[in-house]
Amino acid sequence: QIHVSESGGGLVQAGESLTLSCRVDGLRNTYYNMAWFRQSPGKEREWVGCIGWSGKNPRYAGSVKGRFTISIDVPEFAAELRMNSLKVADTDIYYCAVKESSYDWCPDGDYEYNYWGQGNQVTVSS
């Protein structure tokens, strides 16, 4: 059984940094993509960024590009989302998602991902 676990959310002030961690257990091979999405009640889910199994070609939404960085540790089935220069607008519940794929290019559609974490609240105060 595949299980995605997340950690690292919390409350920070605007301008500060926070790192979210994601780990997946139960995958049978090391060809997978990882992504982060965020969503608040009443809002649509928003793609934040993703990374392929090589770790060489992460992709980011325009709203976070230059501030957020995703890294992956393929043998450990883990990834991190490093969030710098956080803004109040970044306040949301962040979800890690995993897709088994032989393609290194990671998609930005939530329907592409098979396995999801429980979500982590990130709150940025002014």
C-alpha atoms as a PDB file:
ATOM      1  CA  GLN A   1       0.000   0.000   0.000  1.00  0.00           C
ATOM      2  CA  ILE A   2       1.313   3.430  -0.934  1.00  0.00           C
ATOM      3  CA  HIS A   3       1.286   6.125   1.691  1.00  0.00           C
ATOM      4  CA  VAL A   4       2.305   9.764   1.401  1.00  0.00           C
ATOM      5  CA  SER A   5       3.271  11.614   4.550  1.00  0.00           C
ATOM      6  CA  GLU A   6       4.041  15.283   4.997  1.00  0.00           C
ATOM      7  CA  SER A   7       5.567  17.477   7.649  1.00  0.00           C
ATOM      8  CA  GLY A   8       6.828  20.974   8.243  1.00  0.00           C
ATOM      9  CA  GLY A   9       3.864  23.328   8.140  1.00  0.00           C
ATOM     10  CA  GLY A  10       3.369  26.093  10.639  1.00  0.00           C
ATOM     11  CA  LEU A  11       2.992  29.789  11.362  1.00  0.00           C
ATOM     12  CA  VAL A  12       5.605  32.294  10.197  1.00  0.00           C
ATOM     13  CA  GLN A  13       5.780  36.021   9.561  1.00  0.00           C
ATOM     14  CA  ALA A  14       5.895  37.554   6.131  1.00  0.00           C
ATOM     15  CA  GLY A  15       9.397  37.457   4.698  1.00  0.00           C
ATOM     16  CA  GLU A  16      10.414  34.378   6.616  1.00  0.00           C
ATOM     17  CA  SER A  17      11.092  30.864   5.311  1.00  0.00           C
ATOM     18  CA  LEU A  18       9.573  27.446   5.825  1.00  0.00           C
ATOM     19  CA  THR A  19      10.343  23.977   4.485  1.00  0.00           C
ATOM     20  CA  LEU A  20       7.790  21.272   3.822  1.00  0.00           C
ATOM     21  CA  SER A  21       8.867  17.642   3.598  1.00  0.00           C
ATOM     22  CA  CYS A  22       7.148  14.808   1.798  1.00  0.00           C
ATOM     23  CA  ARG A  23       7.838  11.107   1.859  1.00  0.00           C
ATOM     24  CA  VAL A  24       6.198   8.256   0.001  1.00  0.00           C
ATOM     25  CA  ASP A  25       6.256   4.663   1.188  1.00  0.00           C
ATOM     26  CA  GLY A  26       5.322   1.620  -0.850  1.00  0.00           C
ATOM     27  CA  LEU A  27       6.511   2.572  -4.341  1.00  0.00           C
ATOM     28  CA  ARG A  28       8.180  -0.290  -6.182  1.00  0.00           C
ATOM     29  CA  ASN A  29      10.556   1.723  -8.345  1.00  0.00           C
ATOM     30  CA  THR A  30      12.360   5.041  -8.350  1.00  0.00           C
ATOM     31  CA  TYR A  31      10.631   6.525 -11.408  1.00  0.00           C
ATOM     32  CA  TYR A  32       8.200   9.017  -9.965  1.00  0.00           C
ATOM     33  CA  ASN A  33       7.320  12.698  -9.938  1.00  0.00           C
ATOM     34  CA  MET A  34       6.423  14.758  -6.899  1.00  0.00           C
ATOM     35  CA  ALA A  35       4.338  17.908  -6.803  1.00  0.00           C
ATOM     36  CA  TRP A  36       2.899  20.374  -4.364  1.00  0.00           C
ATOM     37  CA  PHE A  37      -0.522  21.908  -4.605  1.00  0.00           C
ATOM     38  CA  ARG A  38      -2.232  24.324  -2.255  1.00  0.00           C
ATOM     39  CA  GLN A  39      -5.833  24.972  -1.448  1.00  0.00           C
ATOM     40  CA  SER A  40      -8.025  26.786   1.044  1.00  0.00           C
ATOM     41  CA  PRO A  41     -11.701  26.114   1.759  1.00  0.00           C
ATOM     42  CA  GLY A  42     -13.823  27.585  -0.998  1.00  0.00           C
ATOM     43  CA  LYS A  43     -10.907  28.032  -3.373  1.00  0.00           C
ATOM     44  CA  GLU A  44      -9.725  25.950  -6.290  1.00  0.00           C
ATOM     45  CA  ARG A  45      -6.667  23.795  -5.846  1.00  0.00           C
ATOM     46  CA  GLU A  46      -3.584  25.548  -7.181  1.00  0.00           C
ATOM     47  CA  TRP A  47      -0.451  23.902  -8.515  1.00  0.00           C
ATOM     48  CA  VAL A  48       2.665  25.200  -6.769  1.00  0.00           C
ATOM     49  CA  GLY A  49       5.433  23.234  -8.431  1.00  0.00           C
ATOM     50  CA  CYS A  50       6.784  19.790  -9.193  1.00  0.00           C
ATOM     51  CA  ILE A  51       9.910  17.811  -9.861  1.00  0.00           C
ATOM     52  CA  GLY A  52      10.801  14.730 -11.856  1.00  0.00           C
ATOM     53  CA  TRP A  53      12.858  11.749 -10.776  1.00  0.00           C
ATOM     54  CA  SER A  54      16.125  13.155 -12.114  1.00  0.00           C
ATOM     55  CA  GLY A  55      15.775  16.268  -9.971  1.00  0.00           C
ATOM     56  CA  LYS A  56      17.128  18.361 -12.830  1.00  0.00           C
ATOM     57  CA  ASN A  57      14.007  20.040 -14.148  1.00  0.00           C
ATOM     58  CA  PRO A  58      11.764  21.368 -11.396  1.00  0.00           C
ATOM     59  CA  ARG A  59       8.848  23.523 -12.526  1.00  0.00           C
ATOM     60  CA  TYR A  60       7.088  26.277 -10.602  1.00  0.00           C
ATOM     61  CA  ALA A  61       3.958  28.343 -10.784  1.00  0.00           C
ATOM     62  CA  GLY A  62       4.557  31.966 -11.648  1.00  0.00           C
ATOM     63  CA  SER A  63       3.308  33.086  -8.245  1.00  0.00           C
ATOM     64  CA  VAL A  64       6.126  31.263  -6.427  1.00  0.00           C
ATOM     65  CA  LYS A  65       8.921  31.152  -8.997  1.00  0.00           C
ATOM     66  CA  GLY A  66      12.128  32.573  -7.588  1.00  0.00           C
ATOM     67  CA  ARG A  67      10.923  32.139  -3.994  1.00  0.00           C
ATOM     68  CA  PHE A  68      10.163  28.424  -3.734  1.00  0.00           C
ATOM     69  CA  THR A  69      12.554  25.551  -4.462  1.00  0.00           C
ATOM     70  CA  ILE A  70      11.756  21.846  -4.771  1.00  0.00           C
ATOM     71  CA  SER A  71      14.380  19.174  -4.304  1.00  0.00           C
ATOM     72  CA  ILE A  72      14.097  15.407  -4.451  1.00  0.00           C
ATOM     73  CA  ASP A  73      15.956  12.495  -2.901  1.00  0.00           C
ATOM     74  CA  VAL A  74      14.947   9.687  -5.202  1.00  0.00           C
ATOM     75  CA  PRO A  75      16.472   6.696  -3.326  1.00  0.00           C
ATOM     76  CA  GLU A  76      14.796   7.917  -0.136  1.00  0.00           C
ATOM     77  CA  PHE A  77      11.446   8.522  -1.849  1.00  0.00           C
ATOM     78  CA  ALA A  78      11.385  12.002  -0.386  1.00  0.00           C
ATOM     79  CA  ALA A  79      11.183  15.616  -1.498  1.00  0.00           C
ATOM     80  CA  GLU A  80      11.246  19.059   0.059  1.00  0.00           C
ATOM     81  CA  LEU A  81       9.578  22.339  -0.754  1.00  0.00           C
ATOM     82  CA  ARG A  82      11.686  25.228   0.478  1.00  0.00           C
ATOM     83  CA  MET A  83       9.641  28.421   0.697  1.00  0.00           C
ATOM     84  CA  ASN A  84      11.500  31.712   1.029  1.00  0.00           C
ATOM     85  CA  SER A  85      10.236  35.294   1.245  1.00  0.00           C
ATOM     86  CA  LEU A  86       6.816  34.082   2.258  1.00  0.00           C
ATOM     87  CA  LYS A  87       3.844  36.353   1.719  1.00  0.00           C
ATOM     88  CA  VAL A  88       0.470  36.510   3.424  1.00  0.00           C
ATOM     89  CA  ALA A  89      -1.001  35.333   0.102  1.00  0.00           C
ATOM     90  CA  ASP A  90       0.939  32.063   0.486  1.00  0.00           C
ATOM     91  CA  THR A  91      -1.273  31.091   3.413  1.00  0.00           C
ATOM     92  CA  ASP A  92      -2.941  27.830   2.470  1.00  0.00           C
ATOM     93  CA  ILE A  93      -3.084  24.101   3.037  1.00  0.00           C
ATOM     94  CA  TYR A  94      -0.238  22.520   1.079  1.00  0.00           C
ATOM     95  CA  TYR A  95      -0.566  19.030  -0.339  1.00  0.00           C
ATOM     96  CA  CYS A  96       2.194  16.763  -1.606  1.00  0.00           C
ATOM     97  CA  ALA A  97       1.252  14.516  -4.523  1.00  0.00           C
ATOM     98  CA  VAL A  98       3.057  11.631  -6.197  1.00  0.00           C
ATOM     99  CA  LYS A  99       2.836  10.175  -9.686  1.00  0.00           C
ATOM    100  CA  GLU A 100       4.589   7.037 -10.822  1.00  0.00           C
ATOM    101  CA  SER A 101       6.074   7.863 -14.207  1.00  0.00           C
ATOM    102  CA  SER A 102       8.964   6.937 -16.448  1.00  0.00           C
ATOM    103  CA  TYR A 103       8.900  10.518 -17.754  1.00  0.00           C
ATOM    104  CA  ASP A 104      11.149  12.977 -15.984  1.00  0.00           C
ATOM    105  CA  TRP A 105       8.895  15.882 -16.958  1.00  0.00           C
ATOM    106  CA  CYS A 106       6.323  16.487 -14.207  1.00  0.00           C
ATOM    107  CA  PRO A 107       2.745  17.585 -15.012  1.00  0.00           C
ATOM    108  CA  ASP A 108       0.875  20.422 -13.327  1.00  0.00           C
ATOM    109  CA  GLY A 109      -2.618  18.946 -13.374  1.00  0.00           C
ATOM    110  CA  ASP A 110      -3.845  17.542 -10.077  1.00  0.00           C
ATOM    111  CA  TYR A 111      -5.688  14.762 -11.912  1.00  0.00           C
ATOM    112  CA  GLU A 112      -2.308  13.417 -13.023  1.00  0.00           C
ATOM    113  CA  TYR A 113      -1.258  12.444  -9.524  1.00  0.00           C
ATOM    114  CA  ASN A 114      -2.292   9.184  -7.956  1.00  0.00           C
ATOM    115  CA  TYR A 115      -1.235   9.530  -4.358  1.00  0.00           C
ATOM    116  CA  TRP A 116      -1.745  12.428  -1.965  1.00  0.00           C
ATOM    117  CA  GLY A 117      -0.591  13.472   1.452  1.00  0.00           C
ATOM    118  CA  GLN A 118      -2.872  14.650   4.223  1.00  0.00           C
ATOM    119  CA  GLY A 119      -2.027  18.330   3.773  1.00  0.00           C
ATOM    120  CA  ASN A 120      -0.096  20.787   5.903  1.00  0.00           C
ATOM    121  CA  GLN A 121      -1.311  24.188   7.011  1.00  0.00           C
ATOM    122  CA  VAL A 122       1.022  27.077   6.225  1.00  0.00           C
ATOM    123  CA  THR A 123       0.033  30.409   7.740  1.00  0.00           C
ATOM    124  CA  VAL A 124       1.912  33.612   6.997  1.00  0.00           C
ATOM    125  CA  SER A 125       1.131  36.601   9.174  1.00  0.00           C
ATOM    126  CA  SER A 126       1.785  40.219   8.293  1.00  0.00           C
END
